[in-house]
Amino acid sequence: MIETGRLPIVNPPRSGPSASLNPEFFARLAGRVPTRSGVFEAVRSPFDQRVLAELPICTPADVAAAVGRAREAQAAWAKVDPRERARVLLRFHDLLLARQEQGLDLVQLEAGKARRHAQEELLDSAINAQYYATRAPGWLRPRRAGGTFAGLTVTWEYRHPVGVVGVICPWNYPLTMAVSEPVAALMAGNAVVLKPDPQTSFTALWVLGLVEEAGLPPGLMQVVTGAAEVGSALVGAADFIALTGSTRTGRVVARQAGERLIGANLELGGKNPMLVLEDAPLEAAVKGAVDGCFTNAGQLCVSIERIYVHEAVYEAFKRRFVEKVSRLRLGSTLDHRTQIGSLTVARQFELVEAHVQDAVAKGARVLTGGKARPDLGPLFFEPTVLEGVTPEMRVYSEETFGPVVALYPYGDLEEVLERVNASEYGLNASVWTRDLAKGRAVAARIQAGTVNVNEAYAAAWISMDATMGGFKASGLGRRHGKEGLYRFTELQTVALERLIPITGPAWLPRGWYGRIVTWALHGMKWVMRWRYRV
């Protein structure tokens, strides 16, 4: 290991991938793309821009054909017992774990991330598959619901699949996003047509190969490749859309889905805050901030981009935080030696650089980092901590989606909560304190879909039984938990009438019917108040 400036890097910069990631491997994956368009796009590794493989690109006509095939396959899949569907996903879970070294190499080469962050993706994907495979069969059973008048009506709720679910996923978490949405949709009885980002499509195709090897019927899950026009075609053909992406893209998809009156689940951008209270455990908070800000080089929708620290502990927190950040190891090895990898795409690198340069030009101070690292690779950028950020700077309110965070001191809790909530976003937040009751109370006042106490983001994300999603411009709908399954279903009520008609027997005068129902409603009110302790 050698030192370059204050940031140690691993030497040599990259070790070789597993032997299986050869040209034949990529050719097999490319053969799964349902197109004969003759159009290809070079997929380059972010580490050094070398070409990994040529990716076939689909046309809108290819998308329509894929949705048609998926619809045919879904008709049979909807009739399969959920327990049989679960067995397929449990075999897929086992294959994921058995082939993980190959998967980790592929994710690193396509996305440019450190191996530890690729491994988080793989383990999260396995957890997701296991969770829905074991829980969903029970949740999908018909549920008996109460009728208005006991004995007169019996109601049942049925969950039916929506049909073909279109999944549009980004480049930052190519494995997690290619698994988490499709797994829930498939368990609910749907077919899936997945459109990954062109930069990371081979990871999605690798997932497709594993799930078919696990026993998923052909055509039930397909991967279409391409950019915006392919995504638009998918929104125009599918029965439901699940998008993970930017708020700007989310608004476009929401308008298109709204025109078709189809459902859409949108997980979008975030400018996520971390709040360090006066009594926070500083060492733990500093470590949590490092993980929360720089996992996957900050290219994570729930990562922390602004940290508010009580003035009583601000200097101590800043000193320790800057020291730890300055020691992070950057590199492109396909092993666990490096802590931070490369940014994934050039446009994101350019945005990160522009945010930092704009902030510095307007008076912000760089406490550590702040520079590109072309010596490591074309898209490496140092983990950066800023101070003195003000509202006229882009980094103050715009999502950076990179390894950049700003520190802000505060004195009054009420005032800082106003600042925390003064954002168009509301995806994730973090609160640090030794008083867990206080932390929970403060967390409940933050306008975000998930808030972690004494953790940055992983506690909420990995709690599969609880929902994940955003407030405000951070999205619509929820993934994980029952809601993550039920969004891919249509809910139907079947009501059975017994004994006498609910509208009253034909022989009973309407006046008497009204009086009897009125007496019954008064009596029912007292019974219900007693039963539900109102």
Protein backbone atom coordinates (compact mmCIF):
# COMPACT_ATOMS: atom_id res chain seq x y z
CA MET A 1 0.00 0.00 0.00
CA ILE A 2 1.29 3.48 -0.81
CA GLU A 3 0.24 6.95 0.28
CA THR A 4 -0.92 9.58 -2.18
CA GLY A 5 -1.61 12.85 -0.43
CA ARG A 6 -3.73 12.13 2.61
CA LEU A 7 -5.65 9.32 0.93
CA PRO A 8 -4.03 5.86 0.97
CA ILE A 9 -4.71 3.70 -2.09
CA VAL A 10 -4.12 0.06 -2.79
CA ASN A 11 -1.27 -0.86 -5.13
CA PRO A 12 -1.70 -2.38 -7.67
CA PRO A 13 -4.97 -0.58 -8.45
CA ARG A 14 -6.87 -3.62 -9.69
CA SER A 15 -6.71 -7.37 -9.37
CA GLY A 16 -8.09 -9.66 -12.06
CA PRO A 17 -11.73 -10.76 -12.20
CA SER A 18 -12.83 -14.33 -11.79
CA ALA A 19 -11.95 -16.53 -14.75
CA SER A 20 -15.63 -17.00 -15.62
CA LEU A 21 -16.05 -13.34 -16.61
CA ASN A 22 -14.63 -13.92 -20.08
CA PRO A 23 -15.98 -12.89 -23.52
CA GLU A 24 -18.10 -16.06 -23.70
CA PHE A 25 -19.73 -15.15 -20.38
CA PHE A 26 -20.79 -11.71 -21.63
CA ALA A 27 -21.88 -13.17 -24.98
CA ARG A 28 -24.22 -15.62 -23.21
CA LEU A 29 -25.76 -12.79 -21.21
CA ALA A 30 -26.12 -10.61 -24.30
CA GLY A 31 -27.98 -13.49 -25.97
CA ARG A 32 -30.77 -13.07 -23.42
CA VAL A 33 -31.66 -9.61 -24.75
CA PRO A 34 -34.87 -9.97 -26.82
CA THR A 35 -33.83 -7.94 -29.86
CA ARG A 36 -32.45 -8.26 -33.38
CA SER A 37 -32.10 -4.50 -33.83
CA GLY A 38 -28.43 -4.79 -34.75
CA VAL A 39 -27.70 -1.80 -32.49
CA PHE A 40 -25.05 -2.24 -29.81
CA GLU A 41 -23.62 -0.04 -27.07
CA ALA A 42 -20.20 -0.49 -25.53
CA VAL A 43 -20.31 -1.02 -21.76
CA ARG A 44 -17.16 0.38 -20.19
CA SER A 45 -15.87 -0.29 -16.71
CA PRO A 46 -15.89 2.91 -14.61
CA PHE A 47 -12.51 1.89 -13.16
CA ASP A 48 -10.56 2.53 -16.36
CA GLN A 49 -13.10 2.91 -19.20
CA ARG A 50 -12.02 -0.32 -20.86
CA VAL A 51 -14.82 -1.98 -22.84
CA LEU A 52 -16.31 -4.96 -20.98
CA ALA A 53 -18.67 -6.04 -23.76
CA GLU A 54 -21.08 -4.89 -26.42
CA LEU A 55 -24.68 -4.68 -25.19
CA PRO A 56 -27.54 -5.23 -27.69
CA ILE A 57 -30.03 -2.34 -27.52
CA CYS A 58 -33.79 -2.87 -27.81
CA THR A 59 -36.33 -0.86 -29.74
CA PRO A 60 -39.84 0.17 -28.61
CA ALA A 61 -41.17 -2.64 -30.80
CA ASP A 62 -38.98 -5.09 -28.88
CA VAL A 63 -40.51 -3.82 -25.64
CA ALA A 64 -44.05 -4.32 -26.92
CA ALA A 65 -43.18 -7.86 -28.01
CA ALA A 66 -41.57 -8.63 -24.64
CA VAL A 67 -44.63 -7.41 -22.77
CA GLY A 68 -46.83 -9.55 -25.02
CA ARG A 69 -44.79 -12.67 -24.27
CA ALA A 70 -44.79 -11.83 -20.58
CA ARG A 71 -48.55 -11.46 -20.60
CA GLU A 72 -48.96 -14.94 -22.08
CA ALA A 73 -46.63 -16.47 -19.48
CA GLN A 74 -48.33 -14.58 -16.64
CA ALA A 75 -51.74 -16.11 -17.34
CA ALA A 76 -50.41 -19.53 -16.31
CA TRP A 77 -48.20 -18.21 -13.48
CA ALA A 78 -51.17 -16.52 -11.81
CA LYS A 79 -52.75 -19.96 -11.33
CA VAL A 80 -49.65 -21.42 -9.65
CA ASP A 81 -49.95 -21.91 -5.90
CA PRO A 82 -47.92 -19.17 -4.12
CA ARG A 83 -46.06 -21.90 -2.25
CA GLU A 84 -44.79 -23.25 -5.58
CA ARG A 85 -43.73 -19.74 -6.62
CA ALA A 86 -41.91 -19.47 -3.30
CA ARG A 87 -39.90 -22.63 -3.98
CA VAL A 88 -38.55 -21.07 -7.19
CA LEU A 89 -37.43 -17.96 -5.32
CA LEU A 90 -35.83 -19.97 -2.53
CA ARG A 91 -33.77 -21.86 -5.13
CA PHE A 92 -32.84 -18.48 -6.62
CA HIS A 93 -31.78 -17.36 -3.12
CA ASP A 94 -29.44 -20.35 -2.88
CA LEU A 95 -27.98 -19.73 -6.34
CA LEU A 96 -27.27 -16.10 -5.46
CA LEU A 97 -25.25 -17.15 -2.45
CA ALA A 98 -23.50 -19.99 -4.29
CA ARG A 99 -22.44 -17.78 -7.24
CA GLN A 100 -21.70 -14.67 -5.21
CA GLU A 101 -18.03 -14.28 -6.18
CA GLN A 102 -18.96 -14.15 -9.84
CA GLY A 103 -21.78 -11.71 -9.09
CA LEU A 104 -19.54 -9.45 -7.01
CA ASP A 105 -16.94 -9.27 -9.77
CA LEU A 106 -19.61 -8.37 -12.30
CA VAL A 107 -21.19 -5.66 -10.14
CA GLN A 108 -17.79 -4.13 -9.44
CA LEU A 109 -16.75 -4.12 -13.08
CA GLU A 110 -20.02 -2.57 -14.26
CA ALA A 111 -20.68 -0.12 -11.40
CA GLY A 112 -17.16 0.66 -10.20
CA LYS A 113 -17.95 0.21 -6.55
CA ALA A 114 -15.85 -1.21 -3.72
CA ARG A 115 -16.34 -4.91 -3.14
CA ARG A 116 -17.74 -4.44 0.36
CA HIS A 117 -20.55 -2.37 -1.15
CA ALA A 118 -21.17 -4.93 -3.91
CA GLN A 119 -21.42 -7.59 -1.22
CA GLU A 120 -24.04 -5.53 0.63
CA GLU A 121 -26.08 -5.63 -2.57
CA LEU A 122 -25.82 -9.36 -2.93
CA LEU A 123 -26.74 -10.10 0.68
CA ASP A 124 -29.63 -7.65 0.53
CA SER A 125 -30.91 -9.40 -2.61
CA ALA A 126 -30.78 -12.80 -0.91
CA ILE A 127 -32.60 -11.44 2.16
CA ASN A 128 -35.28 -9.95 -0.08
CA ALA A 129 -35.86 -13.21 -1.96
CA GLN A 130 -36.04 -15.22 1.25
CA TYR A 131 -38.36 -12.73 2.93
CA TYR A 132 -41.03 -12.68 0.23
CA ALA A 133 -40.74 -16.39 -0.51
CA THR A 134 -41.54 -17.23 3.12
CA ARG A 135 -44.05 -14.47 3.94
CA ALA A 136 -45.99 -13.87 0.75
CA PRO A 137 -47.92 -17.17 0.54
CA GLY A 138 -49.71 -16.37 3.80
CA TRP A 139 -50.38 -12.76 2.83
CA LEU A 140 -51.91 -13.79 -0.50
CA ARG A 141 -54.55 -16.06 0.99
CA PRO A 142 -58.16 -14.78 0.79
CA ARG A 143 -58.99 -12.78 3.93
CA ARG A 144 -62.38 -12.82 5.60
CA ALA A 145 -63.59 -9.32 6.49
CA GLY A 146 -66.45 -8.25 8.70
CA GLY A 147 -69.84 -7.28 7.32
CA THR A 148 -71.83 -4.30 8.59
CA PHE A 149 -74.44 -6.42 10.38
CA ALA A 150 -73.18 -9.65 11.89
CA GLY A 151 -74.76 -12.69 10.30
CA LEU A 152 -76.41 -10.87 7.40
CA THR A 153 -73.31 -10.49 5.21
CA VAL A 154 -69.96 -12.22 4.92
CA THR A 155 -67.17 -10.55 2.95
CA TRP A 156 -63.89 -11.87 1.60
CA GLU A 157 -60.91 -9.98 0.19
CA TYR A 158 -58.94 -11.51 -2.69
CA ARG A 159 -55.55 -10.38 -4.00
CA HIS A 160 -55.14 -10.70 -7.76
CA PRO A 161 -51.92 -9.94 -9.70
CA VAL A 162 -51.96 -6.74 -11.75
CA GLY A 163 -50.50 -8.53 -14.81
CA VAL A 164 -47.19 -7.36 -16.28
CA VAL A 165 -45.03 -5.22 -14.01
CA GLY A 166 -42.51 -2.94 -15.70
CA VAL A 167 -39.43 -2.30 -13.55
CA ILE A 168 -37.09 0.56 -14.41
CA CYS A 169 -33.94 0.57 -12.32
CA PRO A 170 -30.80 2.74 -12.11
CA TRP A 171 -27.08 2.07 -12.34
CA ASN A 172 -26.12 2.70 -8.71
CA TYR A 173 -27.42 -0.59 -7.22
CA PRO A 174 -27.76 -2.87 -10.24
CA LEU A 175 -28.10 -6.14 -8.33
CA THR A 176 -30.41 -4.98 -5.54
CA MET A 177 -32.71 -3.18 -7.96
CA ALA A 178 -32.83 -6.13 -10.37
CA VAL A 179 -33.97 -8.39 -7.53
CA SER A 180 -36.02 -6.47 -4.96
CA GLU A 181 -38.88 -5.31 -7.19
CA PRO A 182 -39.10 -8.41 -9.43
CA VAL A 183 -39.11 -10.81 -6.45
CA ALA A 184 -42.18 -9.20 -4.87
CA ALA A 185 -43.94 -8.84 -8.22
CA LEU A 186 -43.32 -12.48 -9.18
CA MET A 187 -44.47 -13.75 -5.78
CA ALA A 188 -47.73 -11.84 -6.26
CA GLY A 189 -48.33 -13.75 -9.50
CA ASN A 190 -47.17 -11.17 -12.02
CA ALA A 191 -44.78 -11.26 -14.94
CA VAL A 192 -41.87 -8.79 -14.97
CA VAL A 193 -40.22 -6.85 -17.77
CA LEU A 194 -37.09 -5.20 -16.38
CA LYS A 195 -35.30 -2.26 -17.94
CA PRO A 196 -31.93 -1.65 -16.27
CA ASP A 197 -29.63 1.24 -17.06
CA PRO A 198 -27.41 0.45 -20.08
CA GLN A 199 -24.33 0.85 -17.88
CA THR A 200 -25.34 -2.08 -15.66
CA SER A 201 -27.53 -4.27 -17.84
CA PHE A 202 -25.26 -7.32 -17.67
CA THR A 203 -25.89 -7.60 -13.92
CA ALA A 204 -29.65 -7.70 -14.60
CA LEU A 205 -29.12 -10.34 -17.31
CA TRP A 206 -27.06 -12.39 -14.84
CA VAL A 207 -29.97 -12.24 -12.39
CA LEU A 208 -32.34 -13.36 -15.14
CA GLY A 209 -30.14 -16.37 -15.83
CA LEU A 210 -30.15 -17.38 -12.16
CA VAL A 211 -33.89 -17.04 -11.67
CA GLU A 212 -34.60 -19.13 -14.78
CA GLU A 213 -32.08 -21.72 -13.60
CA ALA A 214 -34.05 -21.78 -10.34
CA GLY A 215 -37.14 -22.84 -12.27
CA LEU A 216 -38.96 -19.67 -13.32
CA PRO A 217 -40.96 -20.40 -16.48
CA PRO A 218 -39.54 -18.90 -19.70
CA GLY A 219 -40.91 -15.50 -20.65
CA LEU A 220 -42.13 -14.69 -17.17
CA MET A 221 -39.22 -12.35 -16.53
CA GLN A 222 -37.48 -10.53 -19.38
CA VAL A 223 -34.80 -7.85 -19.59
CA VAL A 224 -35.07 -5.09 -22.18
CA THR A 225 -32.12 -2.78 -22.74
CA GLY A 226 -31.77 0.82 -23.78
CA ALA A 227 -32.24 4.38 -22.63
CA ALA A 228 -35.21 6.75 -22.24
CA GLU A 229 -37.26 5.68 -25.27
CA VAL A 230 -37.18 2.07 -24.12
CA GLY A 231 -38.32 3.10 -20.63
CA SER A 232 -41.12 5.20 -22.11
CA ALA A 233 -42.25 2.26 -24.25
CA LEU A 234 -42.35 0.06 -21.14
CA VAL A 235 -44.49 2.59 -19.25
CA GLY A 236 -46.76 2.63 -22.29
CA ALA A 237 -47.23 -1.15 -22.36
CA ALA A 238 -47.02 -2.57 -18.81
CA ASP A 239 -49.86 -2.80 -16.27
CA PHE A 240 -47.86 -1.31 -13.39
CA ILE A 241 -44.55 0.57 -13.21
CA ALA A 242 -41.94 0.43 -10.45
CA LEU A 243 -39.26 3.07 -10.94
CA THR A 244 -36.18 3.82 -8.89
CA GLY A 245 -34.49 6.94 -10.19
CA SER A 246 -34.32 10.71 -10.11
CA THR A 247 -37.22 12.96 -9.16
CA ARG A 248 -37.09 14.48 -12.64
CA THR A 249 -37.56 11.08 -14.27
CA GLY A 250 -40.21 10.18 -11.70
CA ARG A 251 -42.35 13.14 -12.72
CA VAL A 252 -42.18 12.09 -16.38
CA VAL A 253 -43.14 8.49 -15.55
CA ALA A 254 -45.93 9.60 -13.21
CA ARG A 255 -47.50 11.74 -15.94
CA GLN A 256 -47.34 8.91 -18.47
CA ALA A 257 -48.72 6.36 -16.01
CA GLY A 258 -51.45 8.77 -14.99
CA GLU A 259 -52.57 9.14 -18.60
CA ARG A 260 -52.98 5.36 -18.76
CA LEU A 261 -54.50 5.11 -15.27
CA ILE A 262 -52.02 2.43 -14.23
CA GLY A 263 -50.34 2.19 -10.85
CA ALA A 264 -46.82 3.45 -10.28
CA ASN A 265 -44.37 3.07 -7.41
CA LEU A 266 -41.65 5.71 -7.51
CA GLU A 267 -38.58 5.83 -5.29
CA LEU A 268 -36.83 9.05 -6.19
CA GLY A 269 -34.19 11.52 -4.98
CA GLY A 270 -33.14 12.63 -1.53
CA LYS A 271 -31.13 15.29 0.27
CA ASN A 272 -30.93 13.27 3.43
CA PRO A 273 -30.11 14.88 6.80
CA MET A 274 -28.30 13.57 9.86
CA LEU A 275 -29.01 15.23 13.20
CA VAL A 276 -26.41 14.90 15.98
CA LEU A 277 -27.93 15.90 19.34
CA GLU A 278 -25.93 17.33 22.23
CA ASP A 279 -25.84 13.98 24.06
CA ALA A 280 -24.93 11.87 21.02
CA PRO A 281 -22.32 9.09 21.36
CA LEU A 282 -19.68 10.84 19.25
CA GLU A 283 -17.51 7.91 18.22
CA ALA A 284 -20.54 5.96 17.05
CA ALA A 285 -21.98 9.03 15.34
CA VAL A 286 -18.74 9.69 13.48
CA LYS A 287 -18.52 6.10 12.24
CA GLY A 288 -22.19 6.19 11.29
CA ALA A 289 -21.65 9.40 9.36
CA VAL A 290 -18.71 7.95 7.42
CA ASP A 291 -20.78 4.91 6.42
CA GLY A 292 -23.89 6.98 5.76
CA CYS A 293 -22.16 9.54 3.56
CA PHE A 294 -19.65 7.47 1.59
CA THR A 295 -21.07 3.99 1.08
CA ASN A 296 -20.98 3.32 -2.67
CA ALA A 297 -19.12 6.63 -3.07
CA GLY A 298 -22.29 8.42 -1.95
CA GLN A 299 -24.28 7.08 -4.90
CA LEU A 300 -27.12 5.85 -2.74
CA CYS A 301 -30.61 7.35 -2.58
CA VAL A 302 -30.69 7.12 1.23
CA SER A 303 -27.14 8.37 1.86
CA ILE A 304 -26.46 11.38 4.09
CA GLU A 305 -25.65 14.68 2.36
CA ARG A 306 -26.12 17.19 5.21
CA ILE A 307 -25.10 16.82 8.85
CA TYR A 308 -26.45 19.11 11.59
CA VAL A 309 -24.35 18.95 14.78
CA HIS A 310 -25.15 20.63 18.11
CA GLU A 311 -22.74 23.48 18.74
CA ALA A 312 -21.69 21.95 22.08
CA VAL A 313 -20.11 18.97 20.28
CA TYR A 314 -19.61 20.45 16.79
CA GLU A 315 -15.83 20.95 16.95
CA ALA A 316 -15.21 17.53 18.49
CA PHE A 317 -17.41 15.82 15.91
CA LYS A 318 -15.84 17.74 13.03
CA ARG A 319 -12.29 16.92 14.07
CA ARG A 320 -12.95 13.19 14.41
CA PHE A 321 -15.10 12.99 11.29
CA VAL A 322 -12.60 14.77 9.04
CA GLU A 323 -9.80 12.58 10.36
CA LYS A 324 -11.67 9.36 9.56
CA VAL A 325 -12.78 10.56 6.13
CA SER A 326 -9.24 11.55 5.20
CA ARG A 327 -8.07 8.00 5.92
CA LEU A 328 -10.56 6.21 3.66
CA ARG A 329 -8.87 3.92 1.13
CA LEU A 330 -9.78 4.52 -2.51
CA GLY A 331 -9.13 1.97 -5.21
CA SER A 332 -10.40 -0.46 -7.81
CA THR A 333 -9.34 -3.85 -6.52
CA LEU A 334 -11.76 -6.74 -6.88
CA ASP A 335 -11.31 -7.64 -3.22
CA HIS A 336 -12.10 -6.13 0.16
CA ARG A 337 -8.98 -4.01 0.60
CA THR A 338 -10.47 -0.75 -0.66
CA GLN A 339 -13.23 1.20 1.11
CA ILE A 340 -14.37 3.58 -1.64
CA GLY A 341 -14.67 2.85 -5.32
CA SER A 342 -15.23 4.96 -8.40
CA LEU A 343 -18.23 6.98 -9.43
CA THR A 344 -20.15 5.02 -12.04
CA VAL A 345 -21.01 7.35 -14.92
CA ALA A 346 -19.33 10.46 -16.30
CA ARG A 347 -22.39 12.69 -15.92
CA GLN A 348 -22.49 11.98 -12.18
CA PHE A 349 -18.78 12.67 -11.82
CA GLU A 350 -19.30 15.99 -13.58
CA LEU A 351 -22.20 16.91 -11.29
CA VAL A 352 -20.19 16.11 -8.15
CA GLU A 353 -17.27 18.19 -9.37
CA ALA A 354 -19.59 21.06 -10.32
CA HIS A 355 -21.26 21.08 -6.88
CA VAL A 356 -17.92 21.25 -5.09
CA GLN A 357 -16.49 23.92 -7.38
CA ASP A 358 -19.63 26.04 -7.09
CA ALA A 359 -19.56 25.82 -3.29
CA VAL A 360 -15.89 26.73 -3.05
CA ALA A 361 -16.30 29.64 -5.47
CA LYS A 362 -19.07 31.03 -3.26
CA GLY A 363 -17.13 30.75 -0.01
CA ALA A 364 -17.48 27.19 1.32
CA ARG A 365 -14.45 25.60 2.96
CA VAL A 366 -13.15 22.15 2.03
CA LEU A 367 -12.18 20.32 5.23
CA THR A 368 -10.93 17.25 3.38
CA GLY A 369 -11.09 15.91 -0.17
CA GLY A 370 -12.59 18.13 -2.84
CA LYS A 371 -10.58 16.86 -5.81
CA ALA A 372 -10.80 14.37 -8.64
CA ARG A 373 -8.30 11.51 -8.59
CA PRO A 374 -7.30 10.77 -12.20
CA ASP A 375 -4.28 8.88 -10.86
CA LEU A 376 -6.73 6.18 -9.69
CA GLY A 377 -9.15 6.27 -12.58
CA PRO A 378 -11.17 8.68 -14.72
CA LEU A 379 -14.21 8.81 -12.40
CA PHE A 380 -12.65 8.76 -8.94
CA PHE A 381 -13.44 11.70 -6.64
CA GLU A 382 -12.14 12.13 -3.11
CA PRO A 383 -14.59 11.81 -0.19
CA THR A 384 -15.32 15.47 0.54
CA VAL A 385 -16.44 17.34 3.66
CA LEU A 386 -17.59 20.96 3.30
CA GLU A 387 -18.21 23.67 5.89
CA GLY A 388 -19.78 27.09 5.52
CA VAL A 389 -22.30 26.01 2.90
CA THR A 390 -25.02 28.63 2.34
CA PRO A 391 -28.37 28.59 0.49
CA GLU A 392 -27.07 30.17 -2.72
CA MET A 393 -24.77 27.20 -3.29
CA ARG A 394 -26.10 24.30 -5.38
CA VAL A 395 -24.89 21.71 -2.89
CA TYR A 396 -27.09 23.26 -0.19
CA SER A 397 -30.39 21.96 -1.58
CA GLU A 398 -29.73 19.96 -4.75
CA GLU A 399 -29.10 16.24 -4.53
CA THR A 400 -25.39 15.61 -5.20
CA PHE A 401 -25.50 11.81 -5.27
CA GLY A 402 -21.80 11.49 -4.69
CA PRO A 403 -19.10 11.51 -1.98
CA VAL A 404 -19.85 15.02 -0.70
CA VAL A 405 -21.36 16.14 2.62
CA ALA A 406 -21.80 19.52 4.32
CA LEU A 407 -21.55 20.18 8.08
CA TYR A 408 -23.84 22.68 9.84
CA PRO A 409 -23.70 23.69 13.53
CA TYR A 410 -26.93 24.43 15.40
CA GLY A 411 -28.02 25.49 18.86
CA ASP A 412 -31.79 25.14 19.12
CA LEU A 413 -33.64 21.88 18.38
CA GLU A 414 -36.82 23.55 17.11
CA GLU A 415 -34.85 25.74 14.75
CA VAL A 416 -32.78 22.88 13.36
CA LEU A 417 -35.87 20.73 12.78
CA GLU A 418 -37.24 23.52 10.60
CA ARG A 419 -33.99 23.49 8.62
CA VAL A 420 -34.00 19.70 8.37
CA ASN A 421 -37.56 19.72 6.99
CA ALA A 422 -37.04 22.74 4.69
CA SER A 423 -36.36 20.51 1.68
CA GLU A 424 -38.41 19.32 -1.27
CA TYR A 425 -37.16 15.83 -0.46
CA GLY A 426 -38.07 13.43 2.33
CA LEU A 427 -36.55 10.01 1.76
CA ASN A 428 -34.31 9.15 4.72
CA ALA A 429 -32.89 10.76 7.86
CA SER A 430 -30.71 9.90 10.85
CA VAL A 431 -30.82 11.01 14.51
CA TRP A 432 -28.04 10.39 17.06
CA THR A 433 -28.56 10.52 20.83
CA ARG A 434 -28.00 8.47 23.98
CA ASP A 435 -31.65 9.00 24.95
CA LEU A 436 -33.53 6.54 22.74
CA ALA A 437 -36.96 7.82 23.75
CA LYS A 438 -35.93 11.33 22.81
CA GLY A 439 -34.42 10.05 19.58
CA ARG A 440 -37.65 8.34 18.63
CA ALA A 441 -39.67 11.48 19.43
CA VAL A 442 -37.34 13.67 17.34
CA ALA A 443 -37.34 11.14 14.51
CA ALA A 444 -41.14 11.22 14.32
CA ARG A 445 -40.99 14.98 13.65
CA ILE A 446 -38.72 14.64 10.61
CA GLN A 447 -40.53 14.60 7.28
CA ALA A 448 -38.99 11.48 5.78
CA GLY A 449 -40.19 8.01 4.88
CA THR A 450 -37.52 6.34 7.02
CA VAL A 451 -35.66 7.76 10.02
CA ASN A 452 -32.89 5.82 11.76
CA VAL A 453 -31.91 6.43 15.38
CA ASN A 454 -28.19 5.84 16.00
CA GLU A 455 -27.75 4.46 12.48
CA ALA A 456 -27.50 6.17 9.12
CA TYR A 457 -29.76 4.17 6.79
CA ALA A 458 -29.14 0.43 7.00
CA ALA A 459 -31.30 -0.24 10.07
CA ALA A 460 -34.46 0.88 8.26
CA TRP A 461 -33.45 -0.53 4.87
CA ILE A 462 -32.70 -4.01 6.16
CA SER A 463 -35.87 -4.17 8.30
CA MET A 464 -37.77 -6.01 5.62
CA ASP A 465 -40.99 -6.16 7.61
CA ALA A 466 -41.21 -2.33 7.62
CA THR A 467 -41.88 -0.19 4.58
CA MET A 468 -39.37 1.92 2.66
CA GLY A 469 -40.25 4.98 0.59
CA GLY A 470 -40.32 8.75 0.44
CA PHE A 471 -42.30 11.82 1.46
CA LYS A 472 -42.75 14.84 -0.80
CA ALA A 473 -40.64 14.80 -4.00
CA SER A 474 -38.84 11.65 -2.87
CA GLY A 475 -41.50 9.41 -4.31
CA LEU A 476 -44.82 7.60 -4.20
CA GLY A 477 -45.60 4.21 -2.71
CA ARG A 478 -43.55 1.84 -0.60
CA ARG A 479 -41.30 -1.18 -1.03
CA HIS A 480 -40.65 -3.89 1.59
CA GLY A 481 -43.17 -5.39 4.01
CA LYS A 482 -46.74 -6.26 3.10
CA GLU A 483 -47.11 -2.98 1.22
CA GLY A 484 -44.19 -3.97 -0.99
CA LEU A 485 -46.14 -7.06 -2.05
CA TYR A 486 -49.65 -5.64 -2.12
CA ARG A 487 -48.74 -2.78 -4.49
CA PHE A 488 -48.43 -5.45 -7.19
CA THR A 489 -51.98 -6.73 -6.61
CA GLU A 490 -55.54 -5.68 -7.32
CA LEU A 491 -57.78 -5.96 -4.26
CA GLN A 492 -61.21 -7.50 -4.79
CA THR A 493 -64.09 -7.76 -2.30
CA VAL A 494 -66.59 -10.60 -2.60
CA ALA A 495 -69.68 -10.13 -0.41
CA LEU A 496 -72.16 -12.90 0.41
CA GLU A 497 -75.67 -12.04 1.56
CA ARG A 498 -77.41 -14.44 3.98
CA LEU A 499 -80.71 -14.79 5.84
CA ILE A 500 -82.51 -11.60 4.79
CA PRO A 501 -81.60 -8.87 2.27
CA ILE A 502 -79.37 -6.15 3.71
CA THR A 503 -81.83 -3.65 2.22
CA GLY A 504 -84.65 -5.24 4.23
CA PRO A 505 -87.27 -7.94 3.43
CA ALA A 506 -89.96 -7.10 0.95
CA TRP A 507 -92.76 -7.60 3.53
CA LEU A 508 -91.30 -5.02 5.99
CA PRO A 509 -92.66 -1.45 5.54
CA ARG A 510 -89.87 1.02 4.73
CA GLY A 511 -90.67 3.17 7.74
CA TRP A 512 -90.26 0.25 10.11
CA TYR A 513 -87.07 -0.77 8.29
CA GLY A 514 -85.58 2.70 8.88
CA ARG A 515 -86.51 2.60 12.61
CA ILE A 516 -85.03 -0.87 13.11
CA VAL A 517 -81.78 0.06 11.38
CA THR A 518 -81.55 3.27 13.43
CA TRP A 519 -81.94 1.33 16.71
CA ALA A 520 -79.40 -1.21 15.49
CA LEU A 521 -76.88 1.52 14.65
CA HIS A 522 -77.20 3.11 18.10
CA GLY A 523 -76.66 -0.27 19.72
CA MET A 524 -73.76 -1.09 17.43
CA LYS A 525 -72.03 2.19 18.32
CA TRP A 526 -71.86 1.23 22.00
CA VAL A 527 -70.71 -2.30 21.22
CA MET A 528 -67.97 -1.02 18.91
CA ARG A 529 -66.82 1.63 21.42
CA TRP A 530 -66.50 -1.05 24.08
CA ARG A 531 -64.75 -3.48 21.76
CA TYR A 532 -62.20 -1.00 20.39
CA ARG A 533 -61.83 1.06 23.60
CA VAL A 534 -62.85 4.35 21.98
